[in-house]
Amino acid sequence: MGLLDQIQFRSRVTAPPDSIEVNDRNEFLVAWPGTLVVVPALRMRDSCACAECIEEGTGRKLLQTGAIPADIRALRIDPVGSYAIQIQWSDGHGSGIYSWDLLRRVCGLDGEGQSGG
């Protein structure tokens, strides 16, 4: 049995949101089919899952919520392929990739919005 025989591949792919915008209060407006979710910038920044913010080996959170500036804002949002976005933050951070699955969790929409693939 080879390595690839031991890996369980996901048969479902999380669909992207319909749109992502940032309003004048620095809140993310994430439109999913049938719902619009408002996510404060602080919560979005605090949800970064990159290696600087989350310890890779253990999953332990390294980023301290209190260390995030209260006035944090997104400077730029860029697509990453067809599966995620990357946000450049006003605190200088920008290495996190927010997959559609992570974004759904940040929006409080666990386990929904999947399509065959």
C-alpha atoms as a PDB file:
ATOM      1  CA  MET A   1       0.000   0.000   0.000  1.00  0.00           C
ATOM      2  CA  GLY A   2       1.466   3.348  -1.056  1.00  0.00           C
ATOM      3  CA  LEU A   3       1.279   6.679   0.732  1.00  0.00           C
ATOM      4  CA  LEU A   4      -1.501   7.999  -1.489  1.00  0.00           C
ATOM      5  CA  ASP A   5      -3.580   4.918  -0.679  1.00  0.00           C
ATOM      6  CA  GLN A   6      -3.459   5.918   2.995  1.00  0.00           C
ATOM      7  CA  ILE A   7      -4.579   9.522   2.500  1.00  0.00           C
ATOM      8  CA  GLN A   8      -8.264  10.350   2.558  1.00  0.00           C
ATOM      9  CA  PHE A   9      -8.927  13.029  -0.017  1.00  0.00           C
ATOM     10  CA  ARG A  10     -11.786  15.438   0.478  1.00  0.00           C
ATOM     11  CA  SER A  11     -14.547  14.660  -1.954  1.00  0.00           C
ATOM     12  CA  ARG A  12     -16.241  17.981  -1.331  1.00  0.00           C
ATOM     13  CA  VAL A  13     -14.922  21.472  -1.903  1.00  0.00           C
ATOM     14  CA  THR A  14     -16.218  24.521  -0.060  1.00  0.00           C
ATOM     15  CA  ALA A  15     -17.843  26.935  -2.481  1.00  0.00           C
ATOM     16  CA  PRO A  16     -16.611  30.542  -2.465  1.00  0.00           C
ATOM     17  CA  PRO A  17     -18.704  33.400  -1.131  1.00  0.00           C
ATOM     18  CA  ASP A  18     -20.674  35.495  -3.598  1.00  0.00           C
ATOM     19  CA  SER A  19     -18.782  38.626  -2.522  1.00  0.00           C
ATOM     20  CA  ILE A  20     -16.452  40.048   0.126  1.00  0.00           C
ATOM     21  CA  GLU A  21     -16.401  43.756   0.883  1.00  0.00           C
ATOM     22  CA  VAL A  22     -15.130  45.975   3.693  1.00  0.00           C
ATOM     23  CA  ASN A  23     -17.398  48.770   4.921  1.00  0.00           C
ATOM     24  CA  ASP A  24     -16.448  52.145   6.401  1.00  0.00           C
ATOM     25  CA  ARG A  25     -16.412  50.622   9.917  1.00  0.00           C
ATOM     26  CA  ASN A  26     -13.712  48.149   8.790  1.00  0.00           C
ATOM     27  CA  GLU A  27     -16.137  45.232   8.972  1.00  0.00           C
ATOM     28  CA  PHE A  28     -16.068  42.455   6.416  1.00  0.00           C
ATOM     29  CA  LEU A  29     -19.368  41.934   4.599  1.00  0.00           C
ATOM     30  CA  VAL A  30     -19.266  38.349   3.386  1.00  0.00           C
ATOM     31  CA  ALA A  31     -22.165  37.313   1.168  1.00  0.00           C
ATOM     32  CA  TRP A  32     -22.835  33.585   0.994  1.00  0.00           C
ATOM     33  CA  PRO A  33     -25.782  32.189  -0.967  1.00  0.00           C
ATOM     34  CA  GLY A  34     -28.846  33.235   1.027  1.00  0.00           C
ATOM     35  CA  THR A  35     -27.055  35.133   3.801  1.00  0.00           C
ATOM     36  CA  LEU A  36     -24.871  38.153   4.494  1.00  0.00           C
ATOM     37  CA  VAL A  37     -22.473  37.897   7.433  1.00  0.00           C
ATOM     38  CA  VAL A  38     -20.781  40.898   9.052  1.00  0.00           C
ATOM     39  CA  VAL A  39     -17.360  40.052  10.528  1.00  0.00           C
ATOM     40  CA  PRO A  40     -15.452  42.647  12.573  1.00  0.00           C
ATOM     41  CA  ALA A  41     -11.887  43.187  11.340  1.00  0.00           C
ATOM     42  CA  LEU A  42     -10.527  42.239  14.776  1.00  0.00           C
ATOM     43  CA  ARG A  43     -12.243  38.829  14.623  1.00  0.00           C
ATOM     44  CA  MET A  44     -11.008  38.243  11.065  1.00  0.00           C
ATOM     45  CA  ARG A  45      -7.414  39.152  12.002  1.00  0.00           C
ATOM     46  CA  ASP A  46      -7.627  37.023  15.160  1.00  0.00           C
ATOM     47  CA  SER A  47      -8.710  34.050  13.016  1.00  0.00           C
ATOM     48  CA  CYS A  48      -5.542  34.017  10.927  1.00  0.00           C
ATOM     49  CA  ALA A  49      -4.259  30.450  10.724  1.00  0.00           C
ATOM     50  CA  CYS A  50      -0.762  31.082   9.343  1.00  0.00           C
ATOM     51  CA  ALA A  51       2.397  29.687  10.945  1.00  0.00           C
ATOM     52  CA  GLU A  52       3.087  33.031  12.667  1.00  0.00           C
ATOM     53  CA  CYS A  53      -0.315  32.944  14.366  1.00  0.00           C
ATOM     54  CA  ILE A  54      -0.827  29.197  14.932  1.00  0.00           C
ATOM     55  CA  GLU A  55       1.875  26.716  15.932  1.00  0.00           C
ATOM     56  CA  GLU A  56       2.013  24.244  13.059  1.00  0.00           C
ATOM     57  CA  GLY A  57       2.868  21.112  15.029  1.00  0.00           C
ATOM     58  CA  THR A  58       0.308  21.502  17.798  1.00  0.00           C
ATOM     59  CA  GLY A  59      -2.297  23.940  16.498  1.00  0.00           C
ATOM     60  CA  ARG A  60      -1.713  26.107  19.578  1.00  0.00           C
ATOM     61  CA  LYS A  61      -2.640  29.735  19.040  1.00  0.00           C
ATOM     62  CA  LEU A  62       0.427  31.997  19.121  1.00  0.00           C
ATOM     63  CA  LEU A  63      -1.279  35.290  18.304  1.00  0.00           C
ATOM     64  CA  GLN A  64      -2.541  37.022  21.435  1.00  0.00           C
ATOM     65  CA  THR A  65      -5.874  38.712  20.753  1.00  0.00           C
ATOM     66  CA  GLY A  66      -4.893  41.608  23.030  1.00  0.00           C
ATOM     67  CA  ALA A  67      -1.866  42.311  20.835  1.00  0.00           C
ATOM     68  CA  ILE A  68      -4.059  43.138  17.848  1.00  0.00           C
ATOM     69  CA  PRO A  69      -4.592  46.908  17.535  1.00  0.00           C
ATOM     70  CA  ALA A  70      -8.216  47.887  18.221  1.00  0.00           C
ATOM     71  CA  ASP A  71      -8.230  49.906  14.989  1.00  0.00           C
ATOM     72  CA  ILE A  72      -6.969  47.009  12.813  1.00  0.00           C
ATOM     73  CA  ARG A  73      -8.112  47.225   9.215  1.00  0.00           C
ATOM     74  CA  ALA A  74      -7.609  45.425   5.951  1.00  0.00           C
ATOM     75  CA  LEU A  75      -5.387  47.352   3.551  1.00  0.00           C
ATOM     76  CA  ARG A  76      -5.764  44.909   0.674  1.00  0.00           C
ATOM     77  CA  ILE A  77      -7.584  41.663  -0.086  1.00  0.00           C
ATOM     78  CA  ASP A  78      -6.144  39.443  -2.806  1.00  0.00           C
ATOM     79  CA  PRO A  79      -7.464  36.193  -4.278  1.00  0.00           C
ATOM     80  CA  VAL A  80      -5.381  33.049  -3.816  1.00  0.00           C
ATOM     81  CA  GLY A  81      -6.180  30.764  -6.696  1.00  0.00           C
ATOM     82  CA  SER A  82      -9.836  29.807  -6.620  1.00  0.00           C
ATOM     83  CA  TYR A  83      -9.840  28.613  -3.003  1.00  0.00           C
ATOM     84  CA  ALA A  84      -8.958  31.499  -0.672  1.00  0.00           C
ATOM     85  CA  ILE A  85      -8.104  35.127  -0.011  1.00  0.00           C
ATOM     86  CA  GLN A  86      -5.031  36.727   1.525  1.00  0.00           C
ATOM     87  CA  ILE A  87      -5.407  39.921   3.561  1.00  0.00           C
ATOM     88  CA  GLN A  88      -2.746  42.567   4.078  1.00  0.00           C
ATOM     89  CA  TRP A  89      -3.408  44.095   7.505  1.00  0.00           C
ATOM     90  CA  SER A  90      -2.636  47.540   8.910  1.00  0.00           C
ATOM     91  CA  ASP A  91      -0.454  45.924  11.615  1.00  0.00           C
ATOM     92  CA  GLY A  92       1.943  44.717   8.891  1.00  0.00           C
ATOM     93  CA  HIS A  93       0.746  41.110   8.873  1.00  0.00           C
ATOM     94  CA  GLY A  94      -0.094  39.549   5.539  1.00  0.00           C
ATOM     95  CA  SER A  95       0.986  35.910   5.360  1.00  0.00           C
ATOM     96  CA  GLY A  96      -2.316  34.302   6.324  1.00  0.00           C
ATOM     97  CA  ILE A  97      -4.458  32.527   3.763  1.00  0.00           C
ATOM     98  CA  TYR A  98      -8.172  32.431   4.496  1.00  0.00           C
ATOM     99  CA  SER A  99      -9.561  29.411   2.641  1.00  0.00           C
ATOM    100  CA  TRP A 100     -13.284  29.361   1.898  1.00  0.00           C
ATOM    101  CA  ASP A 101     -13.651  26.710   4.605  1.00  0.00           C
ATOM    102  CA  LEU A 102     -11.863  28.887   7.195  1.00  0.00           C
ATOM    103  CA  LEU A 103     -13.865  31.916   6.099  1.00  0.00           C
ATOM    104  CA  ARG A 104     -17.126  29.998   6.600  1.00  0.00           C
ATOM    105  CA  ARG A 105     -16.008  29.056  10.126  1.00  0.00           C
ATOM    106  CA  VAL A 106     -15.105  32.684  10.905  1.00  0.00           C
ATOM    107  CA  CYS A 107     -18.588  33.602   9.662  1.00  0.00           C
ATOM    108  CA  GLY A 108     -20.153  30.986  11.952  1.00  0.00           C
ATOM    109  CA  LEU A 109     -21.286  28.773   9.051  1.00  0.00           C
ATOM    110  CA  ASP A 110     -19.558  25.458   9.814  1.00  0.00           C
ATOM    111  CA  GLY A 111     -20.230  22.510   7.559  1.00  0.00           C
ATOM    112  CA  GLU A 112     -22.323  24.259   4.945  1.00  0.00           C
ATOM    113  CA  GLY A 113     -21.860  25.480   1.418  1.00  0.00           C
ATOM    114  CA  GLN A 114     -20.058  22.472   0.004  1.00  0.00           C
ATOM    115  CA  SER A 115     -20.239  21.380  -3.593  1.00  0.00           C
ATOM    116  CA  GLY A 116     -19.148  18.185  -5.241  1.00  0.00           C
ATOM    117  CA  GLY A 117     -15.646  18.160  -6.632  1.00  0.00           C
END
